[in-house]
Amino acid sequence: MNKFYTNIKRFFGGLFKRLYRVRIVNPEKEPLGLPYLVCCNHTALMDVTVISLAMKSQVHYMAKKEVFKVPILRSFAKAMGAFPVDRKHGDVGAVKKTIELLKSGECVGVFPQGTRKPYVHPRDTEIKNGIGMFADRAGVGILPVCIRTKKHKLKLFRKTEFVIGEYIPPEDIKFEEYTGKEKYQKISDYAFSKICELYDEVAEQ
């Protein structure tokens, strides 16, 4: 975790949590010292900030390549652990970077829904197979987390619950009876089902 990232969390973390009324549920379930994928439902652009401030480990993310064309934004994004991805085309470089980070012991955040899905329950959205591919190729586990807010949309001054689920070790998502894209989809669907379970458990409280 670099010093810039640490200072951002220290100086702005408390303010951000108050503005978005963030309550962290099950912080003790975050595994430390392990590389894994942090998988979360996606409601708003600021979801990335919620995850980064709520987690003890530094989480890396893909960010659209346009951000890196602006010098100030590029420096900030890199310091926060982001790396560029071309969302309009298959970006092999971004895929390799993700796997490289995981294999080197880092944590990477991924949104299984692929893009923001506000105002809709996570169960009613389509899931991409990217998580499964990353987890399988890097040989890492998955930490399901969820962001729950009223109307399924992160918003200023609206109560937000960030819930950390049970870590899923690599051996629990092998799905050896499947191969290729089918296997990746099975892993992704399984991981996202855990996110939905967290979402519904909190909703019942």
N, C-alpha and C. Protein backbone atom coordinates (compact mmCIF):
# COMPACT_ATOMS: atom_id res chain seq x y z
N MET A 1 0.86 -1.19 0.00
CA MET A 1 0.00 0.00 0.00
C MET A 1 0.89 1.24 0.00
N ASN A 2 0.77 2.09 -1.04
CA ASN A 2 1.65 3.25 -1.11
C ASN A 2 1.19 4.36 -0.16
N LYS A 3 2.13 5.30 0.11
CA LYS A 3 1.90 6.36 1.10
C LYS A 3 0.76 7.29 0.67
N PHE A 4 0.67 7.58 -0.63
CA PHE A 4 -0.39 8.47 -1.12
C PHE A 4 -1.76 7.86 -0.83
N TYR A 5 -1.90 6.57 -1.14
CA TYR A 5 -3.16 5.86 -0.91
C TYR A 5 -3.52 5.89 0.58
N THR A 6 -2.53 5.64 1.42
CA THR A 6 -2.75 5.64 2.87
C THR A 6 -3.19 7.01 3.36
N ASN A 7 -2.57 8.06 2.86
CA ASN A 7 -2.92 9.42 3.29
C ASN A 7 -4.31 9.82 2.83
N ILE A 8 -4.68 9.42 1.62
CA ILE A 8 -6.03 9.72 1.12
C ILE A 8 -7.07 9.07 2.04
N LYS A 9 -6.84 7.84 2.41
CA LYS A 9 -7.78 7.14 3.30
C LYS A 9 -7.84 7.83 4.67
N ARG A 10 -6.69 8.24 5.16
CA ARG A 10 -6.63 8.85 6.48
C ARG A 10 -7.34 10.20 6.52
N PHE A 11 -7.09 11.04 5.52
CA PHE A 11 -7.61 12.40 5.55
C PHE A 11 -9.04 12.55 5.03
N PHE A 12 -9.43 11.69 4.09
CA PHE A 12 -10.75 11.85 3.49
C PHE A 12 -11.73 10.72 3.81
N GLY A 13 -11.21 9.63 4.36
CA GLY A 13 -12.06 8.49 4.64
C GLY A 13 -13.22 8.79 5.57
N GLY A 14 -12.93 9.44 6.68
CA GLY A 14 -13.98 9.76 7.65
C GLY A 14 -15.03 10.68 7.08
N LEU A 15 -14.60 11.70 6.34
CA LEU A 15 -15.54 12.65 5.74
C LEU A 15 -16.44 11.95 4.74
N PHE A 16 -15.85 11.13 3.88
CA PHE A 16 -16.63 10.42 2.87
C PHE A 16 -17.66 9.50 3.53
N LYS A 17 -17.25 8.78 4.56
CA LYS A 17 -18.17 7.86 5.22
C LYS A 17 -19.35 8.60 5.85
N ARG A 18 -19.09 9.82 6.34
CA ARG A 18 -20.18 10.60 6.92
C ARG A 18 -21.12 11.12 5.84
N LEU A 19 -20.54 11.56 4.72
CA LEU A 19 -21.36 12.10 3.64
C LEU A 19 -22.27 11.03 3.03
N TYR A 20 -21.76 9.81 2.95
CA TYR A 20 -22.54 8.72 2.37
C TYR A 20 -23.11 7.79 3.44
N ARG A 21 -22.96 8.19 4.70
CA ARG A 21 -23.51 7.45 5.85
C ARG A 21 -23.17 5.96 5.76
N VAL A 22 -21.90 5.66 5.56
CA VAL A 22 -21.44 4.29 5.35
C VAL A 22 -21.29 3.54 6.67
N ARG A 23 -21.89 2.38 6.74
CA ARG A 23 -21.71 1.47 7.87
C ARG A 23 -21.10 0.18 7.34
N ILE A 24 -19.96 -0.20 7.92
CA ILE A 24 -19.27 -1.40 7.47
C ILE A 24 -19.73 -2.59 8.31
N VAL A 25 -20.21 -3.61 7.66
CA VAL A 25 -20.72 -4.81 8.33
C VAL A 25 -19.73 -5.97 8.12
N ASN A 26 -19.41 -6.66 9.18
CA ASN A 26 -18.49 -7.81 9.16
C ASN A 26 -17.06 -7.45 8.73
N PRO A 27 -16.48 -6.37 9.24
CA PRO A 27 -15.11 -6.02 8.84
C PRO A 27 -14.09 -7.10 9.19
N GLU A 28 -14.41 -7.91 10.21
CA GLU A 28 -13.50 -8.97 10.64
C GLU A 28 -13.38 -10.09 9.62
N LYS A 29 -14.27 -10.13 8.64
CA LYS A 29 -14.23 -11.19 7.64
C LYS A 29 -13.25 -10.90 6.49
N GLU A 30 -12.71 -9.72 6.47
CA GLU A 30 -11.74 -9.41 5.41
C GLU A 30 -10.45 -10.19 5.66
N PRO A 31 -10.05 -11.07 4.75
CA PRO A 31 -8.81 -11.82 4.91
C PRO A 31 -7.61 -10.91 4.61
N LEU A 32 -6.62 -10.96 5.44
CA LEU A 32 -5.45 -10.11 5.24
C LEU A 32 -4.25 -10.95 4.83
N GLY A 33 -3.42 -10.38 3.99
CA GLY A 33 -2.21 -11.08 3.56
C GLY A 33 -2.42 -12.07 2.44
N LEU A 34 -3.61 -12.02 1.79
CA LEU A 34 -3.90 -12.93 0.68
C LEU A 34 -4.25 -12.14 -0.58
N PRO A 35 -3.90 -12.67 -1.74
CA PRO A 35 -4.39 -12.06 -2.98
C PRO A 35 -5.77 -12.62 -3.29
N TYR A 36 -6.69 -11.77 -3.71
CA TYR A 36 -8.02 -12.26 -4.07
C TYR A 36 -8.76 -11.20 -4.86
N LEU A 37 -9.85 -11.61 -5.46
CA LEU A 37 -10.74 -10.70 -6.18
C LEU A 37 -11.80 -10.20 -5.22
N VAL A 38 -11.97 -8.89 -5.17
CA VAL A 38 -13.06 -8.30 -4.40
C VAL A 38 -14.20 -8.08 -5.38
N CYS A 39 -15.30 -8.79 -5.19
CA CYS A 39 -16.42 -8.73 -6.13
C CYS A 39 -17.63 -8.09 -5.47
N CYS A 40 -18.20 -7.11 -6.16
CA CYS A 40 -19.27 -6.32 -5.56
C CYS A 40 -20.34 -5.96 -6.59
N ASN A 41 -21.56 -5.76 -6.14
CA ASN A 41 -22.60 -5.21 -7.01
C ASN A 41 -22.25 -3.76 -7.33
N HIS A 42 -22.78 -3.24 -8.43
CA HIS A 42 -22.36 -1.92 -8.91
C HIS A 42 -23.57 -1.00 -9.04
N THR A 43 -23.61 0.06 -8.22
CA THR A 43 -24.75 0.97 -8.23
C THR A 43 -24.41 2.36 -8.74
N ALA A 44 -23.14 2.78 -8.54
CA ALA A 44 -22.76 4.15 -8.88
C ALA A 44 -21.25 4.26 -9.07
N LEU A 45 -20.81 5.35 -9.66
CA LEU A 45 -19.39 5.58 -9.89
C LEU A 45 -18.60 5.56 -8.59
N MET A 46 -19.20 6.05 -7.51
CA MET A 46 -18.50 6.16 -6.23
C MET A 46 -18.39 4.84 -5.47
N ASP A 47 -18.92 3.77 -6.03
CA ASP A 47 -18.80 2.45 -5.40
C ASP A 47 -17.33 2.10 -5.16
N VAL A 48 -16.48 2.47 -6.11
CA VAL A 48 -15.05 2.18 -6.01
C VAL A 48 -14.47 2.84 -4.76
N THR A 49 -14.90 4.06 -4.49
CA THR A 49 -14.40 4.78 -3.31
C THR A 49 -14.88 4.12 -2.03
N VAL A 50 -16.13 3.68 -2.00
CA VAL A 50 -16.65 3.00 -0.82
C VAL A 50 -15.83 1.76 -0.51
N ILE A 51 -15.57 0.96 -1.54
CA ILE A 51 -14.80 -0.27 -1.34
C ILE A 51 -13.39 0.05 -0.86
N SER A 52 -12.73 1.00 -1.50
CA SER A 52 -11.36 1.34 -1.15
C SER A 52 -11.24 1.83 0.29
N LEU A 53 -12.20 2.65 0.73
CA LEU A 53 -12.15 3.19 2.08
C LEU A 53 -12.58 2.18 3.14
N ALA A 54 -13.41 1.24 2.75
CA ALA A 54 -13.91 0.26 3.72
C ALA A 54 -12.96 -0.91 3.94
N MET A 55 -12.13 -1.21 2.93
CA MET A 55 -11.22 -2.35 3.02
C MET A 55 -9.89 -1.94 3.64
N LYS A 56 -9.31 -2.84 4.42
CA LYS A 56 -7.99 -2.59 5.00
C LYS A 56 -6.90 -2.74 3.95
N SER A 57 -7.07 -3.69 3.05
CA SER A 57 -6.09 -3.92 1.98
C SER A 57 -6.32 -2.91 0.86
N GLN A 58 -5.26 -2.59 0.12
CA GLN A 58 -5.43 -1.74 -1.06
C GLN A 58 -6.02 -2.57 -2.18
N VAL A 59 -7.05 -2.03 -2.81
CA VAL A 59 -7.72 -2.73 -3.90
C VAL A 59 -7.42 -2.01 -5.22
N HIS A 60 -6.98 -2.76 -6.20
CA HIS A 60 -6.68 -2.21 -7.52
C HIS A 60 -7.89 -2.37 -8.44
N TYR A 61 -8.01 -1.48 -9.42
CA TYR A 61 -9.15 -1.52 -10.34
C TYR A 61 -8.72 -1.19 -11.76
N MET A 62 -9.53 -1.66 -12.69
CA MET A 62 -9.43 -1.19 -14.07
C MET A 62 -10.16 0.15 -14.13
N ALA A 63 -9.60 1.09 -14.87
CA ALA A 63 -10.27 2.38 -15.10
C ALA A 63 -10.20 2.68 -16.59
N LYS A 64 -11.24 3.28 -17.13
CA LYS A 64 -11.28 3.52 -18.57
C LYS A 64 -10.05 4.32 -19.00
N LYS A 65 -9.52 3.98 -20.15
CA LYS A 65 -8.25 4.54 -20.61
C LYS A 65 -8.28 6.06 -20.76
N GLU A 66 -9.47 6.62 -20.98
CA GLU A 66 -9.57 8.07 -21.16
C GLU A 66 -9.07 8.84 -19.93
N VAL A 67 -9.23 8.24 -18.76
CA VAL A 67 -8.77 8.88 -17.52
C VAL A 67 -7.27 9.12 -17.56
N PHE A 68 -6.55 8.20 -18.17
CA PHE A 68 -5.09 8.26 -18.18
C PHE A 68 -4.53 9.20 -19.24
N LYS A 69 -5.41 9.85 -20.01
CA LYS A 69 -4.97 10.81 -21.01
C LYS A 69 -4.81 12.21 -20.40
N VAL A 70 -5.36 12.40 -19.20
CA VAL A 70 -5.25 13.68 -18.49
C VAL A 70 -4.16 13.55 -17.43
N PRO A 71 -3.06 14.31 -17.55
CA PRO A 71 -1.92 14.14 -16.65
C PRO A 71 -2.25 14.08 -15.16
N ILE A 72 -3.05 15.02 -14.66
CA ILE A 72 -3.37 15.05 -13.23
C ILE A 72 -4.19 13.82 -12.84
N LEU A 73 -5.19 13.49 -13.65
CA LEU A 73 -6.02 12.32 -13.36
C LEU A 73 -5.21 11.03 -13.47
N ARG A 74 -4.30 10.98 -14.44
CA ARG A 74 -3.46 9.80 -14.61
C ARG A 74 -2.61 9.55 -13.36
N SER A 75 -2.00 10.59 -12.84
CA SER A 75 -1.16 10.46 -11.65
C SER A 75 -1.98 10.02 -10.45
N PHE A 76 -3.16 10.62 -10.31
CA PHE A 76 -4.04 10.27 -9.18
C PHE A 76 -4.50 8.82 -9.29
N ALA A 77 -4.94 8.43 -10.49
CA ALA A 77 -5.45 7.07 -10.70
C ALA A 77 -4.38 6.03 -10.41
N LYS A 78 -3.17 6.27 -10.88
CA LYS A 78 -2.08 5.32 -10.65
C LYS A 78 -1.76 5.21 -9.16
N ALA A 79 -1.75 6.35 -8.48
CA ALA A 79 -1.46 6.35 -7.05
C ALA A 79 -2.52 5.61 -6.26
N MET A 80 -3.75 5.61 -6.78
CA MET A 80 -4.86 4.92 -6.11
C MET A 80 -4.94 3.45 -6.51
N GLY A 81 -4.01 3.00 -7.36
CA GLY A 81 -3.95 1.59 -7.72
C GLY A 81 -4.75 1.21 -8.95
N ALA A 82 -5.17 2.22 -9.73
CA ALA A 82 -5.94 1.92 -10.95
C ALA A 82 -5.00 1.70 -12.13
N PHE A 83 -5.49 0.99 -13.13
CA PHE A 83 -4.74 0.78 -14.37
C PHE A 83 -5.73 0.82 -15.54
N PRO A 84 -5.25 1.24 -16.72
CA PRO A 84 -6.17 1.50 -17.83
C PRO A 84 -6.73 0.27 -18.52
N VAL A 85 -7.95 0.43 -19.04
CA VAL A 85 -8.58 -0.62 -19.83
C VAL A 85 -9.36 0.03 -20.97
N ASP A 86 -9.30 -0.57 -22.13
CA ASP A 86 -10.08 -0.12 -23.29
C ASP A 86 -11.39 -0.90 -23.27
N ARG A 87 -12.47 -0.25 -22.85
CA ARG A 87 -13.74 -0.94 -22.69
C ARG A 87 -14.46 -1.20 -24.01
N LYS A 88 -14.05 -0.51 -25.05
CA LYS A 88 -14.73 -0.67 -26.33
C LYS A 88 -14.19 -1.86 -27.12
N HIS A 89 -13.01 -2.31 -26.76
CA HIS A 89 -12.40 -3.44 -27.48
C HIS A 89 -11.83 -4.43 -26.46
N GLY A 90 -11.62 -5.65 -26.89
CA GLY A 90 -11.04 -6.64 -25.99
C GLY A 90 -9.62 -6.22 -25.63
N ASP A 91 -9.41 -5.85 -24.38
CA ASP A 91 -8.11 -5.34 -23.94
C ASP A 91 -7.32 -6.46 -23.28
N VAL A 92 -6.51 -7.15 -24.06
CA VAL A 92 -5.71 -8.26 -23.55
C VAL A 92 -4.70 -7.77 -22.51
N GLY A 93 -4.18 -6.56 -22.72
CA GLY A 93 -3.20 -6.02 -21.79
C GLY A 93 -3.78 -5.83 -20.39
N ALA A 94 -5.04 -5.36 -20.31
CA ALA A 94 -5.68 -5.15 -19.01
C ALA A 94 -5.96 -6.48 -18.32
N VAL A 95 -6.31 -7.48 -19.12
CA VAL A 95 -6.54 -8.82 -18.56
C VAL A 95 -5.24 -9.37 -17.98
N LYS A 96 -4.16 -9.24 -18.74
CA LYS A 96 -2.86 -9.72 -18.26
C LYS A 96 -2.41 -8.97 -17.01
N LYS A 97 -2.67 -7.65 -16.97
CA LYS A 97 -2.30 -6.84 -15.81
C LYS A 97 -3.05 -7.30 -14.57
N THR A 98 -4.34 -7.60 -14.73
CA THR A 98 -5.15 -8.07 -13.60
C THR A 98 -4.59 -9.37 -13.04
N ILE A 99 -4.32 -10.31 -13.92
CA ILE A 99 -3.79 -11.61 -13.49
C ILE A 99 -2.40 -11.44 -12.86
N GLU A 100 -1.59 -10.57 -13.44
CA GLU A 100 -0.26 -10.29 -12.92
C GLU A 100 -0.32 -9.74 -11.49
N LEU A 101 -1.24 -8.79 -11.25
CA LEU A 101 -1.40 -8.21 -9.92
C LEU A 101 -1.81 -9.28 -8.90
N LEU A 102 -2.76 -10.12 -9.29
CA LEU A 102 -3.24 -11.17 -8.39
C LEU A 102 -2.12 -12.16 -8.07
N LYS A 103 -1.37 -12.55 -9.08
CA LYS A 103 -0.28 -13.52 -8.87
C LYS A 103 0.85 -12.93 -8.04
N SER A 104 0.95 -11.60 -8.03
CA SER A 104 2.01 -10.96 -7.25
C SER A 104 1.58 -10.67 -5.81
N GLY A 105 0.33 -11.09 -5.47
CA GLY A 105 -0.13 -10.94 -4.09
C GLY A 105 -1.05 -9.78 -3.82
N GLU A 106 -1.53 -9.10 -4.88
CA GLU A 106 -2.40 -7.94 -4.70
C GLU A 106 -3.88 -8.34 -4.75
N CYS A 107 -4.73 -7.39 -4.34
CA CYS A 107 -6.18 -7.57 -4.44
C CYS A 107 -6.71 -6.70 -5.58
N VAL A 108 -7.64 -7.23 -6.33
CA VAL A 108 -8.22 -6.50 -7.46
C VAL A 108 -9.74 -6.49 -7.34
N GLY A 109 -10.32 -5.31 -7.51
CA GLY A 109 -11.77 -5.19 -7.45
C GLY A 109 -12.42 -5.37 -8.81
N VAL A 110 -13.49 -6.15 -8.85
CA VAL A 110 -14.21 -6.41 -10.10
C VAL A 110 -15.71 -6.32 -9.84
N PHE A 111 -16.43 -5.73 -10.77
CA PHE A 111 -17.88 -5.67 -10.69
C PHE A 111 -18.46 -6.69 -11.67
N PRO A 112 -19.01 -7.79 -11.18
CA PRO A 112 -19.52 -8.86 -12.05
C PRO A 112 -20.57 -8.40 -13.05
N GLN A 113 -21.30 -7.33 -12.72
CA GLN A 113 -22.33 -6.85 -13.63
C GLN A 113 -21.75 -6.11 -14.84
N GLY A 114 -20.46 -5.81 -14.77
CA GLY A 114 -19.79 -5.18 -15.90
C GLY A 114 -19.91 -3.67 -15.96
N THR A 115 -21.05 -3.14 -15.54
CA THR A 115 -21.28 -1.71 -15.55
C THR A 115 -22.27 -1.37 -14.45
N ARG A 116 -22.51 -0.09 -14.23
CA ARG A 116 -23.41 0.32 -13.15
C ARG A 116 -24.85 -0.11 -13.45
N LYS A 117 -25.52 -0.61 -12.41
CA LYS A 117 -26.91 -1.05 -12.52
C LYS A 117 -27.72 -0.43 -11.38
N PRO A 118 -27.96 0.88 -11.42
CA PRO A 118 -28.73 1.52 -10.36
C PRO A 118 -30.23 1.22 -10.45
N TYR A 119 -30.90 1.38 -9.33
CA TYR A 119 -32.35 1.26 -9.26
C TYR A 119 -32.89 -0.13 -9.61
N VAL A 120 -32.06 -1.14 -9.48
CA VAL A 120 -32.52 -2.51 -9.76
C VAL A 120 -31.82 -3.46 -8.79
N HIS A 121 -32.56 -4.46 -8.32
CA HIS A 121 -31.99 -5.44 -7.41
C HIS A 121 -30.90 -6.23 -8.15
N PRO A 122 -29.77 -6.49 -7.49
CA PRO A 122 -28.68 -7.23 -8.15
C PRO A 122 -29.11 -8.53 -8.81
N ARG A 123 -30.06 -9.24 -8.20
CA ARG A 123 -30.51 -10.52 -8.77
C ARG A 123 -31.13 -10.36 -10.16
N ASP A 124 -31.58 -9.17 -10.47
CA ASP A 124 -32.26 -8.94 -11.74
C ASP A 124 -31.33 -8.40 -12.82
N THR A 125 -30.03 -8.65 -12.65
CA THR A 125 -29.07 -8.16 -13.63
C THR A 125 -28.25 -9.30 -14.23
N GLU A 126 -27.71 -9.05 -15.41
CA GLU A 126 -26.89 -10.04 -16.10
C GLU A 126 -25.47 -10.01 -15.55
N ILE A 127 -24.85 -11.18 -15.47
CA ILE A 127 -23.50 -11.29 -14.91
C ILE A 127 -22.50 -11.67 -16.00
N LYS A 128 -21.36 -10.97 -16.02
CA LYS A 128 -20.30 -11.28 -16.97
C LYS A 128 -19.41 -12.39 -16.40
N ASN A 129 -18.60 -13.00 -17.26
CA ASN A 129 -17.77 -14.13 -16.79
C ASN A 129 -16.33 -13.74 -16.43
N GLY A 130 -16.06 -12.42 -16.41
CA GLY A 130 -14.70 -11.96 -16.14
C GLY A 130 -14.11 -12.42 -14.82
N ILE A 131 -14.92 -12.40 -13.76
CA ILE A 131 -14.40 -12.82 -12.45
C ILE A 131 -13.91 -14.24 -12.51
N GLY A 132 -14.71 -15.10 -13.14
CA GLY A 132 -14.34 -16.50 -13.24
C GLY A 132 -13.03 -16.70 -13.97
N MET A 133 -12.85 -15.95 -15.04
CA MET A 133 -11.61 -16.06 -15.81
C MET A 133 -10.41 -15.62 -14.97
N PHE A 134 -10.54 -14.48 -14.29
CA PHE A 134 -9.44 -13.97 -13.47
C PHE A 134 -9.10 -14.93 -12.33
N ALA A 135 -10.13 -15.39 -11.63
CA ALA A 135 -9.91 -16.27 -10.49
C ALA A 135 -9.27 -17.58 -10.93
N ASP A 136 -9.74 -18.13 -12.05
CA ASP A 136 -9.24 -19.41 -12.52
C ASP A 136 -7.79 -19.30 -13.01
N ARG A 137 -7.52 -18.28 -13.81
CA ARG A 137 -6.18 -18.15 -14.38
C ARG A 137 -5.13 -17.73 -13.35
N ALA A 138 -5.55 -16.95 -12.36
CA ALA A 138 -4.59 -16.50 -11.35
C ALA A 138 -4.52 -17.47 -10.17
N GLY A 139 -5.51 -18.37 -10.06
CA GLY A 139 -5.52 -19.32 -8.97
C GLY A 139 -5.77 -18.68 -7.62
N VAL A 140 -6.66 -17.68 -7.58
CA VAL A 140 -6.94 -16.98 -6.32
C VAL A 140 -8.40 -17.17 -5.91
N GLY A 141 -8.67 -16.78 -4.67
CA GLY A 141 -10.03 -16.85 -4.15
C GLY A 141 -10.79 -15.57 -4.42
N ILE A 142 -12.02 -15.54 -3.93
CA ILE A 142 -12.92 -14.40 -4.16
C ILE A 142 -13.52 -13.95 -2.83
N LEU A 143 -13.56 -12.63 -2.63
CA LEU A 143 -14.24 -12.07 -1.46
C LEU A 143 -15.50 -11.35 -1.94
N PRO A 144 -16.69 -11.94 -1.67
CA PRO A 144 -17.92 -11.26 -2.07
C PRO A 144 -18.27 -10.15 -1.08
N VAL A 145 -18.59 -8.99 -1.58
CA VAL A 145 -19.03 -7.88 -0.75
C VAL A 145 -20.24 -7.25 -1.43
N CYS A 146 -21.02 -6.49 -0.69
CA CYS A 146 -22.15 -5.83 -1.32
C CYS A 146 -22.35 -4.43 -0.77
N ILE A 147 -22.84 -3.57 -1.64
CA ILE A 147 -23.21 -2.22 -1.25
C ILE A 147 -24.72 -2.14 -1.32
N ARG A 148 -25.34 -1.89 -0.18
CA ARG A 148 -26.80 -1.84 -0.15
C ARG A 148 -27.27 -0.46 0.26
N THR A 149 -28.12 0.13 -0.54
CA THR A 149 -28.70 1.43 -0.25
C THR A 149 -30.16 1.44 -0.67
N LYS A 150 -30.89 2.42 -0.21
CA LYS A 150 -32.27 2.58 -0.62
C LYS A 150 -32.35 2.80 -2.12
N LYS A 151 -33.27 2.14 -2.76
CA LYS A 151 -33.48 2.22 -4.22
C LYS A 151 -32.29 1.70 -5.01
N HIS A 152 -31.40 0.94 -4.34
CA HIS A 152 -30.26 0.29 -5.03
C HIS A 152 -29.35 1.29 -5.72
N LYS A 153 -29.14 2.45 -5.10
CA LYS A 153 -28.32 3.50 -5.72
C LYS A 153 -27.59 4.29 -4.64
N LEU A 154 -26.26 4.27 -4.72
CA LEU A 154 -25.44 5.06 -3.79
C LEU A 154 -25.70 6.54 -4.02
N LYS A 155 -25.93 7.29 -2.92
CA LYS A 155 -26.25 8.70 -3.06
C LYS A 155 -25.86 9.45 -1.79
N LEU A 156 -25.47 10.71 -1.95
CA LEU A 156 -25.10 11.53 -0.80
C LEU A 156 -26.18 11.56 0.26
N PHE A 157 -25.75 11.42 1.53
CA PHE A 157 -26.61 11.50 2.71
C PHE A 157 -27.63 10.36 2.81
N ARG A 158 -27.53 9.39 1.92
CA ARG A 158 -28.41 8.22 1.99
C ARG A 158 -27.67 7.10 2.71
N LYS A 159 -28.32 6.44 3.63
CA LYS A 159 -27.69 5.38 4.40
C LYS A 159 -27.13 4.30 3.47
N THR A 160 -25.87 3.92 3.70
CA THR A 160 -25.19 2.92 2.88
C THR A 160 -24.61 1.84 3.77
N GLU A 161 -24.85 0.59 3.43
CA GLU A 161 -24.26 -0.53 4.17
C GLU A 161 -23.29 -1.26 3.25
N PHE A 162 -22.06 -1.38 3.72
CA PHE A 162 -21.05 -2.13 2.98
C PHE A 162 -20.83 -3.43 3.75
N VAL A 163 -21.24 -4.53 3.14
CA VAL A 163 -21.23 -5.82 3.84
C VAL A 163 -20.16 -6.75 3.26
N ILE A 164 -19.30 -7.26 4.12
CA ILE A 164 -18.25 -8.18 3.71
C ILE A 164 -18.69 -9.62 3.98
N GLY A 165 -18.60 -10.46 2.98
CA GLY A 165 -19.04 -11.84 3.11
C GLY A 165 -17.90 -12.79 3.44
N GLU A 166 -18.20 -14.08 3.35
CA GLU A 166 -17.20 -15.10 3.62
C GLU A 166 -16.26 -15.26 2.43
N TYR A 167 -14.98 -15.28 2.70
CA TYR A 167 -13.98 -15.49 1.66
C TYR A 167 -14.17 -16.86 1.02
N ILE A 168 -14.14 -16.90 -0.31
CA ILE A 168 -14.28 -18.16 -1.05
C ILE A 168 -12.90 -18.59 -1.54
N PRO A 169 -12.32 -19.64 -0.97
CA PRO A 169 -10.98 -20.08 -1.36
C PRO A 169 -10.96 -20.69 -2.76
N PRO A 170 -9.80 -20.72 -3.40
CA PRO A 170 -9.70 -21.25 -4.77
C PRO A 170 -10.24 -22.66 -4.93
N GLU A 171 -10.05 -23.51 -3.92
CA GLU A 171 -10.49 -24.90 -4.03
C GLU A 171 -12.01 -25.05 -4.07
N ASP A 172 -12.74 -24.00 -3.65
CA ASP A 172 -14.20 -24.07 -3.65
C ASP A 172 -14.81 -23.61 -4.98
N ILE A 173 -13.97 -23.15 -5.90
CA ILE A 173 -14.51 -22.67 -7.18
C ILE A 173 -13.77 -23.29 -8.36
N LYS A 174 -13.34 -24.53 -8.21
CA LYS A 174 -12.62 -25.19 -9.30
C LYS A 174 -13.55 -25.58 -10.44
N PHE A 175 -14.75 -26.11 -10.11
CA PHE A 175 -15.72 -26.52 -11.14
C PHE A 175 -15.02 -27.32 -12.24
N GLU A 176 -14.32 -28.37 -11.83
CA GLU A 176 -13.49 -29.14 -12.76
C GLU A 176 -14.28 -29.86 -13.85
N GLU A 177 -15.60 -30.00 -13.68
CA GLU A 177 -16.41 -30.66 -14.71
C GLU A 177 -16.69 -29.73 -15.89
N TYR A 178 -16.28 -28.47 -15.76
CA TYR A 178 -16.50 -27.50 -16.84
C TYR A 178 -15.16 -26.98 -17.35
N THR A 179 -15.17 -26.41 -18.54
CA THR A 179 -13.97 -25.82 -19.11
C THR A 179 -14.30 -24.50 -19.81
N GLY A 180 -13.25 -23.70 -20.06
CA GLY A 180 -13.40 -22.48 -20.82
C GLY A 180 -14.43 -21.51 -20.30
N LYS A 181 -15.18 -20.90 -21.23
CA LYS A 181 -16.13 -19.86 -20.87
C LYS A 181 -17.25 -20.38 -19.95
N GLU A 182 -17.62 -21.63 -20.16
CA GLU A 182 -18.67 -22.21 -19.31
C GLU A 182 -18.20 -22.27 -17.86
N LYS A 183 -16.94 -22.65 -17.66
CA LYS A 183 -16.37 -22.70 -16.32
C LYS A 183 -16.29 -21.30 -15.72
N TYR A 184 -15.84 -20.35 -16.50
CA TYR A 184 -15.73 -18.98 -16.00
C TYR A 184 -17.09 -18.44 -15.58
N GLN A 185 -18.12 -18.77 -16.37
CA GLN A 185 -19.46 -18.30 -16.03
C GLN A 185 -19.98 -18.94 -14.76
N LYS A 186 -19.68 -20.22 -14.57
CA LYS A 186 -20.10 -20.92 -13.35
C LYS A 186 -19.49 -20.27 -12.12
N ILE A 187 -18.20 -19.95 -12.20
CA ILE A 187 -17.51 -19.30 -11.08
C ILE A 187 -18.12 -17.93 -10.81
N SER A 188 -18.34 -17.17 -11.88
CA SER A 188 -18.92 -15.83 -11.75
C SER A 188 -20.31 -15.87 -11.14
N ASP A 189 -21.14 -16.79 -11.63
CA ASP A 189 -22.51 -16.91 -11.12
C ASP A 189 -22.51 -17.31 -9.64
N TYR A 190 -21.60 -18.21 -9.28
CA TYR A 190 -21.52 -18.66 -7.89
C TYR A 190 -21.12 -17.50 -6.98
N ALA A 191 -20.09 -16.76 -7.40
CA ALA A 191 -19.62 -15.63 -6.59
C ALA A 191 -20.72 -14.58 -6.45
N PHE A 192 -21.42 -14.30 -7.55
CA PHE A 192 -22.45 -13.27 -7.48
C PHE A 192 -23.66 -13.72 -6.66
N SER A 193 -23.91 -15.02 -6.63
CA SER A 193 -25.01 -15.52 -5.80
C SER A 193 -24.73 -15.22 -4.33
N LYS A 194 -23.45 -15.25 -3.95
CA LYS A 194 -23.07 -14.94 -2.57
C LYS A 194 -23.27 -13.46 -2.27
N ILE A 195 -23.01 -12.62 -3.29
CA ILE A 195 -23.24 -11.19 -3.13
C ILE A 195 -24.74 -10.93 -2.92
N CYS A 196 -25.57 -11.60 -3.71
CA CYS A 196 -27.02 -11.43 -3.59
C CYS A 196 -27.53 -11.92 -2.24
N GLU A 197 -26.94 -13.00 -1.74
CA GLU A 197 -27.33 -13.51 -0.42
C GLU A 197 -27.02 -12.47 0.66
N LEU A 198 -25.85 -11.85 0.56
CA LEU A 198 -25.49 -10.79 1.51
C LEU A 198 -26.48 -9.64 1.42
N TYR A 199 -26.82 -9.28 0.21
CA TYR A 199 -27.73 -8.18 -0.03
C TYR A 199 -29.09 -8.45 0.62
N ASP A 200 -29.57 -9.66 0.44
CA ASP A 200 -30.89 -10.00 1.00
C ASP A 200 -30.85 -10.17 2.51
N GLU A 201 -29.75 -10.71 3.04
CA GLU A 201 -29.62 -10.87 4.49
C GLU A 201 -29.68 -9.52 5.18
N VAL A 202 -28.99 -8.56 4.65
CA VAL A 202 -28.98 -7.22 5.24
C VAL A 202 -30.36 -6.58 5.11
N ALA A 203 -31.00 -6.82 3.97
CA ALA A 203 -32.31 -6.24 3.72
C ALA A 203 -33.35 -6.71 4.74
N GLU A 204 -33.13 -7.92 5.28
CA GLU A 204 -34.08 -8.49 6.23
C GLU A 204 -33.89 -7.98 7.64
N GLN A 205 -32.75 -7.31 7.92
CA GLN A 205 -32.48 -6.84 9.27
C GLN A 205 -33.37 -5.66 9.66
